[in-house]
Amino acid sequence: MEWEAVIGLEIHVQLATQSKIFSGASIAFGSEPNTQACAVDLGLPGILPVLNESAVEMAVKFGLGIEAEIGKKSVFERKNYFYPDLPKGYQTTQNDLPIVGPGIIEVEPEEGKIRQIRIHHAHLEEDAGKSLHETYFDESGHGMTGIDLNRAGTPLLEIVSEPDMRSAKEAVAYIKAIHSIVTYLGISDGNMSEGSMRCDANVSVRLKGEEKYGTRAEIKNINSFKFIEKAINHEIERQIELIEDGGKVVQETRLYDPDKNETRSMRSKEEANDYRYFPCPDLLPVVLDEAYIEHIQAEMPELPKQKKQRFVDEMGLSSYDAGVLSATRPMAEYFEQVKERCGDAKQAANWVMGELSGQMNKDGVEIEQSPVSAEQLGDLISRIIDKTINGKAAKQVFAALWAGEGASADEIIEAKGLKQVTDTGAIAAVVDEVLANNPQQVEQYQAAPEDKRGKMVGFFVGQVMKASKGTANPQMVNQLLKEKLG
C-alpha cells in the first residue's frame, strides 16, 4: 500500500508592536514572571479593551504580502475554554470574519520543484499566558505548575493554511516562506526560540489516489524548523503503522518530545462548537476603507518573491540560488553588498552560499554576526577576478579574515605572500623542476593513450602548486605542462 500524507499548518506569529493587542502593557521578552500583566490582560471587572492599531496595520501588510483578500470588515469574537493560563476564561480572537482572507504562497522544497500552498485565512488574536511545569516545588518537594501571565494579551497573527502539503519537507519550506515574509515586512522578529513564531501541524494519512482525508492529529506548539520536520515525519510513520496494524487514528492534540523524537497524546481535539464562539460585546467591528489599504500598499518593501525574481532576471542566478539568497532580509542585503563591491553576481553568490554559509553553520552564527563584512568579502572576490590570487589562496585569505588576522584581503595577501605568480619564466622554472624530479611519472604520462592523460596531468599540477606554495596561476601551469609534456 502506498500512503500519502496530508498536512496543514497553523502558524502563530507574534507581532512586533510596542504593547499588547488590547492594553498598554509591554511585550518585552525576558521580564520577571507576572510583571507585565495589567488589569485588562487579567480580565478584571470593569475593564474595557482598546484595539492596538499597529496590530491591524501589520495584519494588513501580511495580507498584501501574500496577495490575499483584505477583510474590510472584521469582527473579534470570544473563544471560550478553561485553562489555568487563560485568566479571562476566554480568548479574544477572530472566527467568522477574519482580517485576512484567502491567499497563496509559492515554495520550492527542492531545486526545480515549485509548489503553491493556499492560505485559508489569517486572523488577529491575543496570546494566553504560559504554564511552567516542574519548575516550582512545595515544602515536601512535590512539583508544582507555575503560571506566568506576561504573554497574556500579546498580539498574534494566526495564519491558517489549507491542507495542501504532502511531506514534512514541503511543510518546512512553507513555514520558512512565512518566516521570510513576516521578517521582510518587519511585522515580527520571527525568533522561534523566544516564542515569536510557533506552529501547530495537522497531520493525516490516506492511500494515494483517495480523495477523502484521513483522521487528523494536531501537533501543538512546535518551535523550530528542525523539530517541525522531525515531528511531522514521526507522526506520519506512527499513523501508517497504526492503520496497517489494524488500529484507528484518533482525532486528538499531541505534543512532540524532541529528546525522544516522538509525539504523545495530550488531549482529545475540540470541535469549533466546543468553544461557543460569539461576537465580543466590548469591541466594535474593524472597518477598513480603500484609502487605508492603499496607503499601506504604497509603503510595502520589496518582498522575497520579487527579490528572488530580480536576482534571476537581472543577475542571471538560478531559481534555487536566488531563493536561498533572498530567503532572509539580512542574507539578501549582505549578498547585494558583496555583489556591488566585486561586480560579479555569480561569484558573490557562490562565496556567500559556499564558504561563508559553511563557516557560519560550523560556528553556529547568523549572518548579522559574521566577522567577515560584505565589503571584506567583496574585496576578496575582486582579487580573484583580477587574478591577484587564485581560488586556493582565496580560501586561506577568507579563513584569516574570519579569524580576525587582518583588516582587509589586501593586507592578508601581502602579509602571507599569497599574491599569484603570473610570470611565465618563473612558473616554467618550477614546472621544469617538477618534471625533472618525477621522470617515472613523465614516462607513464607519455606512454598513456590520449584519453587517459587528462587525469594524469593533475598529479603534475598538484606538484607545481605545492612547490610554488599555491601562488602559481593554475591556468598557466596547465598550459605549460601540456606544452612541455608533449
Protein backbone atom coordinates (compact mmCIF):
# COMPACT_ATOMS: atom_id res chain seq x y z
CA MET A 1 0.00 0.00 0.00
CA GLU A 2 1.27 3.43 -0.92
CA TRP A 3 0.39 6.12 1.58
CA GLU A 4 0.17 9.88 1.18
CA ALA A 5 0.46 12.47 3.95
CA VAL A 6 -1.92 15.42 4.14
CA ILE A 7 -0.58 18.36 6.14
CA GLY A 8 -1.98 21.74 7.10
CA LEU A 9 -0.26 24.27 9.36
CA GLU A 10 -1.48 26.90 11.80
CA ILE A 11 1.33 29.38 12.38
CA HIS A 12 1.19 31.84 15.29
CA VAL A 13 3.27 34.96 14.62
CA GLN A 14 3.91 37.40 17.46
CA LEU A 15 3.54 40.90 16.05
CA ALA A 16 6.31 43.45 16.68
CA THR A 17 4.12 46.06 18.38
CA GLN A 18 5.32 48.04 21.39
CA SER A 19 2.40 46.98 23.57
CA LYS A 20 -0.28 44.29 23.82
CA ILE A 21 -3.21 43.97 21.46
CA PHE A 22 -5.87 45.33 23.85
CA SER A 23 -3.80 47.10 26.55
CA GLY A 24 -0.77 49.33 27.02
CA ALA A 25 1.28 46.65 28.83
CA SER A 26 4.75 45.87 27.50
CA ILE A 27 5.52 42.71 25.48
CA ALA A 28 9.32 42.80 26.11
CA PHE A 29 10.83 39.30 26.25
CA GLY A 30 12.63 38.02 29.34
CA SER A 31 10.94 40.04 32.11
CA GLU A 32 10.31 38.59 35.55
CA PRO A 33 7.13 36.44 35.65
CA ASN A 34 3.83 38.29 36.08
CA THR A 35 5.34 41.78 35.85
CA GLN A 36 3.74 42.66 32.50
CA ALA A 37 0.09 41.67 33.02
CA CYS A 38 -2.25 44.58 33.67
CA ALA A 39 -5.94 44.66 34.69
CA VAL A 40 -7.06 44.45 31.02
CA ASP A 41 -4.93 41.35 30.38
CA LEU A 42 -6.33 39.71 33.52
CA GLY A 43 -9.94 40.49 32.57
CA LEU A 44 -10.75 42.13 35.91
CA PRO A 45 -14.28 43.50 36.39
CA GLY A 46 -14.94 46.90 34.82
CA ILE A 47 -12.08 46.88 32.31
CA LEU A 48 -12.55 47.60 28.59
CA PRO A 49 -10.13 46.53 25.86
CA VAL A 50 -8.86 49.04 23.26
CA LEU A 51 -7.59 47.62 19.94
CA ASN A 52 -3.93 48.32 19.08
CA GLU A 53 -3.95 49.96 15.62
CA SER A 54 -0.37 48.81 14.90
CA ALA A 55 -1.55 45.19 15.06
CA VAL A 56 -4.23 45.92 12.45
CA GLU A 57 -1.70 47.63 10.16
CA MET A 58 0.72 44.69 10.46
CA ALA A 59 -2.01 42.17 9.65
CA VAL A 60 -2.97 44.15 6.54
CA LYS A 61 0.70 44.27 5.48
CA PHE A 62 0.87 40.49 5.71
CA GLY A 63 -2.33 40.11 3.68
CA LEU A 64 -0.98 42.37 0.95
CA GLY A 65 2.33 40.47 1.05
CA ILE A 66 0.61 37.21 0.10
CA GLU A 67 -1.78 38.91 -2.34
CA ALA A 68 -4.75 37.91 -0.19
CA GLU A 69 -8.18 39.42 0.14
CA ILE A 70 -8.21 42.01 2.93
CA GLY A 71 -11.28 41.84 5.15
CA LYS A 72 -12.71 45.36 5.00
CA LYS A 73 -14.92 44.38 7.92
CA SER A 74 -13.53 42.03 10.55
CA VAL A 75 -15.03 41.07 13.90
CA PHE A 76 -13.50 39.97 17.20
CA GLU A 77 -15.12 37.04 18.97
CA ARG A 78 -14.74 35.29 22.30
CA LYS A 79 -13.43 31.73 22.20
CA ASN A 80 -14.47 30.15 25.48
CA TYR A 81 -12.43 27.48 27.21
CA PHE A 82 -10.91 26.91 30.65
CA TYR A 83 -7.17 26.66 31.10
CA PRO A 84 -5.09 27.95 34.05
CA ASP A 85 -3.01 30.32 31.89
CA LEU A 86 -6.13 31.93 30.35
CA PRO A 87 -7.18 34.33 33.13
CA LYS A 88 -10.38 35.61 31.49
CA GLY A 89 -11.78 32.17 30.73
CA TYR A 90 -11.97 33.14 27.05
CA GLN A 91 -9.60 34.24 24.30
CA THR A 92 -10.41 37.29 22.17
CA THR A 93 -9.86 36.17 18.58
CA GLN A 94 -11.47 36.27 15.11
CA ASN A 95 -13.51 33.47 13.58
CA ASP A 96 -16.23 34.15 11.00
CA LEU A 97 -14.88 37.49 9.71
CA PRO A 98 -11.05 37.49 9.84
CA ILE A 99 -8.91 40.44 8.77
CA VAL A 100 -7.07 38.47 6.03
CA GLY A 101 -8.87 36.20 3.58
CA PRO A 102 -7.61 33.57 1.12
CA GLY A 103 -4.11 33.97 -0.31
CA ILE A 104 -1.33 31.86 -1.80
CA ILE A 105 2.38 31.24 -1.22
CA GLU A 106 4.85 29.69 -3.65
CA VAL A 107 7.55 27.43 -2.21
CA GLU A 108 10.47 25.47 -3.67
CA PRO A 109 11.09 22.49 -1.33
CA GLU A 110 13.56 21.01 -3.83
CA GLU A 111 15.52 22.61 -6.65
CA GLY A 112 13.24 22.98 -9.66
CA LYS A 113 10.12 21.76 -7.79
CA ILE A 114 7.66 24.65 -7.32
CA ARG A 115 4.59 24.16 -5.11
CA GLN A 116 1.74 26.56 -4.44
CA ILE A 117 0.27 26.42 -0.94
CA ARG A 118 -3.11 28.04 -0.34
CA ILE A 119 -3.74 30.09 2.78
CA HIS A 120 -7.31 29.81 4.07
CA HIS A 121 -7.14 32.98 6.18
CA ALA A 122 -5.15 34.86 8.83
CA HIS A 123 -6.71 36.39 11.92
CA LEU A 124 -5.72 38.58 14.87
CA GLU A 125 -5.94 37.29 18.41
CA GLU A 126 -4.41 37.59 21.87
CA ASP A 127 -1.94 35.09 23.27
CA ALA A 128 -2.53 33.21 26.52
CA GLY A 129 -0.08 33.05 29.43
CA LYS A 130 2.45 30.27 29.95
CA SER A 131 2.32 27.24 32.25
CA LEU A 132 5.70 26.31 33.73
CA HIS A 133 5.67 22.66 34.74
CA GLU A 134 8.17 21.07 37.17
CA THR A 135 9.82 24.41 37.79
CA TYR A 136 8.46 25.08 41.26
CA PHE A 137 8.32 22.76 44.27
CA ASP A 138 6.40 22.85 47.56
CA GLU A 139 7.94 22.25 51.00
CA SER A 140 7.58 18.47 50.54
CA GLY A 141 9.48 18.57 47.28
CA HIS A 142 6.42 17.89 45.12
CA GLY A 143 6.47 19.59 41.72
CA MET A 144 4.02 22.42 41.11
CA THR A 145 2.91 24.27 37.99
CA GLY A 146 3.70 27.98 37.87
CA ILE A 147 1.64 30.41 35.77
CA ASP A 148 3.36 33.35 34.05
CA LEU A 149 0.84 35.79 32.58
CA ASN A 150 3.37 38.12 30.91
CA ARG A 151 2.39 36.79 27.46
CA ALA A 152 -1.36 37.13 28.11
CA GLY A 153 -2.68 39.68 25.63
CA THR A 154 0.39 39.63 23.36
CA PRO A 155 -0.77 40.30 19.76
CA LEU A 156 -0.70 37.28 17.47
CA LEU A 157 -1.45 36.78 13.80
CA GLU A 158 -2.59 33.20 13.26
CA ILE A 159 -2.02 32.06 9.67
CA VAL A 160 -4.08 29.01 8.68
CA SER A 161 -3.12 27.06 5.57
CA GLU A 162 -5.22 24.70 3.51
CA PRO A 163 -4.13 21.02 3.81
CA ASP A 164 -2.01 21.32 0.64
CA MET A 165 1.33 19.94 1.86
CA ARG A 166 2.27 16.34 1.19
CA SER A 167 5.59 15.98 3.04
CA ALA A 168 7.47 17.35 6.02
CA LYS A 169 9.93 18.94 3.59
CA GLU A 170 7.11 20.91 1.94
CA ALA A 171 5.81 21.98 5.36
CA VAL A 172 9.25 23.29 6.36
CA ALA A 173 9.61 25.13 3.03
CA TYR A 174 6.19 26.73 3.65
CA ILE A 175 6.90 27.91 7.20
CA LYS A 176 10.29 29.25 6.07
CA ALA A 177 8.47 31.23 3.36
CA ILE A 178 6.10 32.67 6.00
CA HIS A 179 9.06 33.46 8.25
CA SER A 180 10.77 35.24 5.35
CA ILE A 181 7.69 37.37 4.56
CA VAL A 182 6.97 38.49 8.14
CA THR A 183 10.62 39.40 8.79
CA TYR A 184 10.96 41.25 5.45
CA LEU A 185 7.83 43.23 6.35
CA GLY A 186 9.22 43.94 9.81
CA ILE A 187 5.97 42.81 11.46
CA SER A 188 7.74 40.14 13.57
CA ASP A 189 11.29 39.23 14.52
CA GLY A 190 10.40 35.57 13.81
CA ASN A 191 12.52 34.40 16.76
CA MET A 192 11.25 30.86 17.27
CA SER A 193 13.37 30.20 20.35
CA GLU A 194 11.65 33.11 22.15
CA GLY A 195 8.16 32.05 21.02
CA SER A 196 7.73 34.80 18.40
CA MET A 197 6.73 32.12 15.90
CA ARG A 198 5.12 28.80 16.76
CA CYS A 199 3.46 26.15 14.66
CA ASP A 200 0.63 23.64 15.09
CA ALA A 201 0.75 20.88 12.49
CA ASN A 202 -2.40 18.99 11.45
CA VAL A 203 -1.33 15.63 10.02
CA SER A 204 -3.31 12.77 8.48
CA VAL A 205 -2.57 9.98 6.00
CA ARG A 206 -4.56 8.35 3.22
CA LEU A 207 -3.95 5.87 0.43
CA LYS A 208 -2.61 7.52 -2.71
CA GLY A 209 -5.43 8.31 -5.11
CA GLU A 210 -8.07 8.66 -2.39
CA GLU A 211 -9.93 11.95 -2.22
CA LYS A 212 -11.27 11.66 1.32
CA TYR A 213 -9.00 12.92 4.10
CA GLY A 214 -7.97 10.60 6.92
CA THR A 215 -8.48 11.39 10.63
CA ARG A 216 -6.03 14.11 11.63
CA ALA A 217 -3.96 14.63 14.73
CA GLU A 218 -2.75 18.09 15.70
CA ILE A 219 0.81 18.50 16.99
CA LYS A 220 0.93 21.63 19.18
CA ASN A 221 3.48 24.40 19.66
CA ILE A 222 6.49 23.26 17.63
CA ASN A 223 9.15 25.96 17.77
CA SER A 224 11.95 25.18 15.30
CA PHE A 225 12.26 24.25 11.63
CA LYS A 226 14.17 21.08 12.56
CA PHE A 227 11.57 19.95 15.10
CA ILE A 228 8.71 20.65 12.66
CA GLU A 229 10.25 18.28 10.11
CA LYS A 230 11.02 15.60 12.70
CA ALA A 231 7.60 15.83 14.41
CA ILE A 232 5.67 15.55 11.13
CA ASN A 233 7.79 12.65 9.86
CA HIS A 234 7.32 10.79 13.14
CA GLU A 235 3.56 11.41 13.13
CA ILE A 236 3.22 10.16 9.53
CA GLU A 237 5.08 6.95 10.42
CA ARG A 238 3.02 6.50 13.61
CA GLN A 239 -0.30 6.80 11.79
CA ILE A 240 0.69 4.48 8.92
CA GLU A 241 1.96 1.84 11.36
CA LEU A 242 -1.20 2.16 13.47
CA ILE A 243 -3.54 1.72 10.47
CA GLU A 244 -1.54 -1.17 8.97
CA ASP A 245 -1.70 -2.95 12.34
CA GLY A 246 -5.50 -2.72 12.28
CA GLY A 247 -5.90 0.29 14.57
CA LYS A 248 -7.60 3.64 14.01
CA VAL A 249 -6.21 7.16 14.23
CA VAL A 250 -7.99 9.21 16.90
CA GLN A 251 -8.64 12.92 16.40
CA GLU A 252 -6.56 14.42 19.19
CA THR A 253 -3.99 17.00 20.17
CA ARG A 254 -0.45 15.67 20.57
CA LEU A 255 2.85 17.08 21.84
CA TYR A 256 6.25 16.49 20.24
CA ASP A 257 9.11 15.42 22.53
CA PRO A 258 12.39 16.33 20.77
CA ASP A 259 14.51 14.36 23.26
CA LYS A 260 12.71 11.10 22.44
CA ASN A 261 11.76 12.13 18.88
CA GLU A 262 8.15 11.08 19.38
CA THR A 263 4.68 12.57 19.70
CA ARG A 264 2.42 11.72 22.64
CA SER A 265 -1.25 12.27 23.32
CA MET A 266 -2.15 15.47 25.16
CA ARG A 267 -5.97 15.65 24.98
CA SER A 268 -8.88 14.91 22.67
CA LYS A 269 -9.26 17.53 19.93
CA GLU A 270 -12.06 20.04 20.43
CA GLU A 271 -14.54 20.91 17.69
CA ALA A 272 -15.41 24.53 16.89
CA ASN A 273 -18.77 24.31 18.69
CA ASP A 274 -16.97 23.33 21.91
CA TYR A 275 -15.59 26.86 22.09
CA ARG A 276 -19.01 28.59 21.93
CA TYR A 277 -17.79 31.50 19.79
CA PHE A 278 -19.80 34.72 19.97
CA PRO A 279 -19.00 38.36 18.98
CA CYS A 280 -17.09 40.24 21.68
CA PRO A 281 -19.50 42.83 23.13
CA ASP A 282 -16.61 45.09 24.21
CA LEU A 283 -15.07 45.57 20.74
CA LEU A 284 -16.63 47.19 17.68
CA PRO A 285 -16.17 45.63 14.22
CA VAL A 286 -12.97 46.79 12.47
CA VAL A 287 -13.90 48.60 9.23
CA LEU A 288 -11.12 49.48 6.75
CA ASP A 289 -11.62 51.73 3.75
CA GLU A 290 -9.80 51.51 0.41
CA ALA A 291 -7.67 54.60 1.16
CA TYR A 292 -6.26 52.96 4.32
CA ILE A 293 -5.31 49.79 2.43
CA GLU A 294 -3.78 51.76 -0.47
CA HIS A 295 -1.69 53.82 1.97
CA ILE A 296 -0.21 50.62 3.45
CA GLN A 297 0.30 49.15 -0.04
CA ALA A 298 2.33 52.22 -1.06
CA GLU A 299 4.77 51.64 1.82
CA MET A 300 5.35 47.92 1.18
CA PRO A 301 9.02 46.89 0.75
CA GLU A 302 10.35 44.53 -1.93
CA LEU A 303 9.36 41.06 -0.71
CA PRO A 304 11.21 37.72 -1.10
CA LYS A 305 9.24 36.66 -4.19
CA GLN A 306 10.01 39.90 -6.07
CA LYS A 307 13.63 39.96 -4.87
CA LYS A 308 14.14 36.35 -5.96
CA GLN A 309 12.77 37.14 -9.44
CA ARG A 310 15.05 40.19 -9.70
CA PHE A 311 18.07 38.07 -8.79
CA VAL A 312 17.12 35.66 -11.60
CA ASP A 313 16.26 38.28 -14.24
CA GLU A 314 18.93 40.90 -13.58
CA MET A 315 21.79 38.85 -12.15
CA GLY A 316 21.43 35.57 -14.03
CA LEU A 317 21.20 33.40 -10.90
CA SER A 318 19.40 30.06 -10.91
CA SER A 319 15.94 29.98 -9.34
CA TYR A 320 17.24 27.85 -6.46
CA ASP A 321 20.25 30.08 -5.70
CA ALA A 322 18.08 33.19 -5.91
CA GLY A 323 15.62 31.58 -3.47
CA VAL A 324 18.34 30.77 -0.93
CA LEU A 325 19.87 34.26 -1.14
CA SER A 326 16.53 36.07 -0.85
CA ALA A 327 15.12 33.85 1.92
CA THR A 328 16.00 36.29 4.70
CA ARG A 329 16.39 40.03 4.55
CA PRO A 330 19.85 40.09 6.22
CA MET A 331 21.16 37.42 3.79
CA ALA A 332 19.78 39.26 0.75
CA GLU A 333 21.24 42.60 1.88
CA TYR A 334 24.65 41.02 2.58
CA PHE A 335 24.71 39.33 -0.83
CA GLU A 336 23.76 42.53 -2.66
CA GLN A 337 26.51 44.47 -0.86
CA VAL A 338 29.09 41.81 -1.83
CA LYS A 339 27.88 41.89 -5.44
CA GLU A 340 28.08 45.70 -5.58
CA ARG A 341 31.62 45.59 -4.20
CA CYS A 342 33.02 42.95 -6.59
CA GLY A 343 30.73 43.45 -9.59
CA ASP A 344 30.19 39.71 -10.21
CA ALA A 345 26.83 38.31 -9.03
CA LYS A 346 27.66 34.64 -9.66
CA GLN A 347 30.98 34.78 -7.82
CA ALA A 348 29.29 36.65 -4.97
CA ALA A 349 26.51 34.02 -4.82
CA ASN A 350 29.00 31.13 -4.81
CA TRP A 351 31.03 32.61 -1.96
CA VAL A 352 28.04 33.65 0.19
CA MET A 353 26.29 30.27 -0.24
CA GLY A 354 29.53 28.27 -0.09
CA GLU A 355 32.47 29.35 2.04
CA LEU A 356 30.59 31.95 4.13
CA SER A 357 27.47 29.85 4.86
CA GLY A 358 29.61 26.79 5.60
CA GLN A 359 31.67 28.68 8.17
CA MET A 360 28.54 30.23 9.73
CA ASN A 361 26.96 26.78 10.10
CA LYS A 362 30.17 25.40 11.59
CA ASP A 363 30.39 28.19 14.19
CA GLY A 364 26.62 28.47 14.74
CA VAL A 365 26.36 32.18 13.90
CA GLU A 366 23.84 34.15 11.86
CA ILE A 367 24.87 36.42 9.01
CA GLU A 368 24.41 39.51 11.18
CA GLN A 369 27.22 38.19 13.43
CA SER A 370 29.61 37.27 10.60
CA PRO A 371 33.14 38.53 11.42
CA VAL A 372 33.72 38.93 7.65
CA SER A 373 31.87 42.01 6.42
CA ALA A 374 30.25 42.23 2.99
CA GLU A 375 32.88 44.80 1.99
CA GLN A 376 35.74 42.48 3.02
CA LEU A 377 34.27 39.53 1.12
CA GLY A 378 33.60 41.69 -1.94
CA ASP A 379 37.22 42.88 -1.95
CA LEU A 380 38.45 39.29 -1.60
CA ILE A 381 36.39 38.20 -4.63
CA SER A 382 37.74 41.19 -6.57
CA ARG A 383 41.27 39.85 -6.01
CA ILE A 384 40.24 36.53 -7.58
CA ILE A 385 38.65 38.32 -10.54
CA ASP A 386 41.74 40.48 -11.21
CA LYS A 387 43.95 37.37 -10.77
CA THR A 388 45.89 38.80 -7.82
CA ILE A 389 45.24 35.45 -6.06
CA ASN A 390 43.89 32.07 -7.11
CA GLY A 391 40.99 30.13 -5.60
CA LYS A 392 43.13 28.13 -3.17
CA ALA A 393 44.82 31.25 -1.80
CA ALA A 394 41.42 32.98 -1.57
CA LYS A 395 40.25 30.32 0.90
CA GLN A 396 43.31 31.00 3.05
CA VAL A 397 42.55 34.73 2.97
CA PHE A 398 38.90 34.08 3.92
CA ALA A 399 39.96 31.89 6.87
CA ALA A 400 42.31 34.65 8.06
CA LEU A 401 39.57 37.29 7.76
CA TRP A 402 37.17 35.06 9.72
CA ALA A 403 39.81 34.62 12.44
CA GLY A 404 40.37 38.39 12.59
CA GLU A 405 44.01 38.16 11.45
CA GLY A 406 43.76 41.22 9.21
CA ALA A 407 41.54 44.18 8.39
CA SER A 408 41.39 43.53 4.64
CA ALA A 409 42.05 40.94 1.97
CA ASP A 410 44.93 43.02 0.56
CA GLU A 411 46.63 43.22 3.96
CA ILE A 412 46.46 39.43 4.42
CA ILE A 413 47.59 38.69 0.85
CA GLU A 414 50.65 40.89 1.39
CA ALA A 415 51.45 39.54 4.87
CA LYS A 416 51.18 35.89 3.83
CA GLY A 417 52.84 36.30 0.41
CA LEU A 418 49.84 34.84 -1.41
CA LYS A 419 50.00 37.05 -4.50
CA GLN A 420 49.63 34.88 -7.59
CA VAL A 421 52.73 34.35 -9.73
CA THR A 422 51.91 35.14 -13.37
CA ASP A 423 55.49 35.44 -14.65
CA THR A 424 55.78 32.75 -17.34
CA GLY A 425 59.52 32.33 -16.82
CA ALA A 426 59.17 31.83 -13.05
CA ILE A 427 56.38 29.27 -13.44
CA ALA A 428 58.25 27.48 -16.26
CA ALA A 429 61.26 27.04 -13.97
CA VAL A 430 59.08 25.36 -11.32
CA VAL A 431 57.46 23.14 -13.97
CA ASP A 432 60.88 22.06 -15.28
CA GLU A 433 62.00 21.21 -11.74
CA VAL A 434 58.88 19.12 -11.08
CA LEU A 435 59.24 17.20 -14.34
CA ALA A 436 62.96 16.56 -13.66
CA ASN A 437 62.14 15.21 -10.18
CA ASN A 438 59.44 12.82 -11.46
CA PRO A 439 60.87 11.02 -14.53
CA GLN A 440 58.84 7.84 -13.93
CA GLN A 441 55.52 9.73 -13.93
CA VAL A 442 56.59 11.64 -17.07
CA GLU A 443 57.30 8.31 -18.81
CA GLN A 444 53.91 6.90 -17.76
CA TYR A 445 52.14 10.03 -18.98
CA GLN A 446 53.81 9.99 -22.38
CA ALA A 447 53.09 6.28 -22.82
CA ALA A 448 49.42 6.63 -21.87
CA PRO A 449 46.66 6.93 -24.50
CA GLU A 450 45.32 10.45 -25.15
CA ASP A 451 42.02 9.89 -23.28
CA LYS A 452 43.86 8.93 -20.05
CA ARG A 453 46.26 11.86 -19.97
CA GLY A 454 43.72 14.42 -18.72
CA LYS A 455 43.51 12.81 -15.29
CA MET A 456 47.25 12.08 -15.09
CA VAL A 457 48.23 15.71 -15.60
CA GLY A 458 46.55 16.51 -12.26
CA PHE A 459 49.50 14.93 -10.44
CA PHE A 460 51.94 17.38 -12.04
CA VAL A 461 49.64 20.36 -11.42
CA GLY A 462 49.50 19.41 -7.73
CA GLN A 463 53.28 19.15 -7.50
CA VAL A 464 53.79 22.55 -9.17
CA MET A 465 51.23 24.22 -6.90
CA LYS A 466 52.90 22.63 -3.88
CA ALA A 467 56.35 23.80 -4.98
CA SER A 468 55.04 27.35 -5.58
CA LYS A 469 53.18 27.34 -2.22
CA GLY A 470 49.89 27.74 -4.07
CA THR A 471 50.85 31.03 -5.74
CA ALA A 472 51.30 29.85 -9.34
CA ASN A 473 48.50 30.70 -11.78
CA PRO A 474 46.71 27.34 -12.32
CA GLN A 475 45.74 28.13 -15.93
CA MET A 476 49.35 28.96 -16.83
CA VAL A 477 50.58 25.83 -15.02
CA ASN A 478 48.22 23.65 -17.08
CA GLN A 479 49.23 25.31 -20.33
CA LEU A 480 52.99 24.96 -19.66
CA LEU A 481 52.64 21.32 -18.58
CA LYS A 482 50.79 20.41 -21.76
CA GLU A 483 53.48 22.11 -23.85
CA LYS A 484 56.44 20.51 -22.04
CA LEU A 485 54.92 17.03 -21.71
CA GLY A 486 54.03 16.97 -25.41
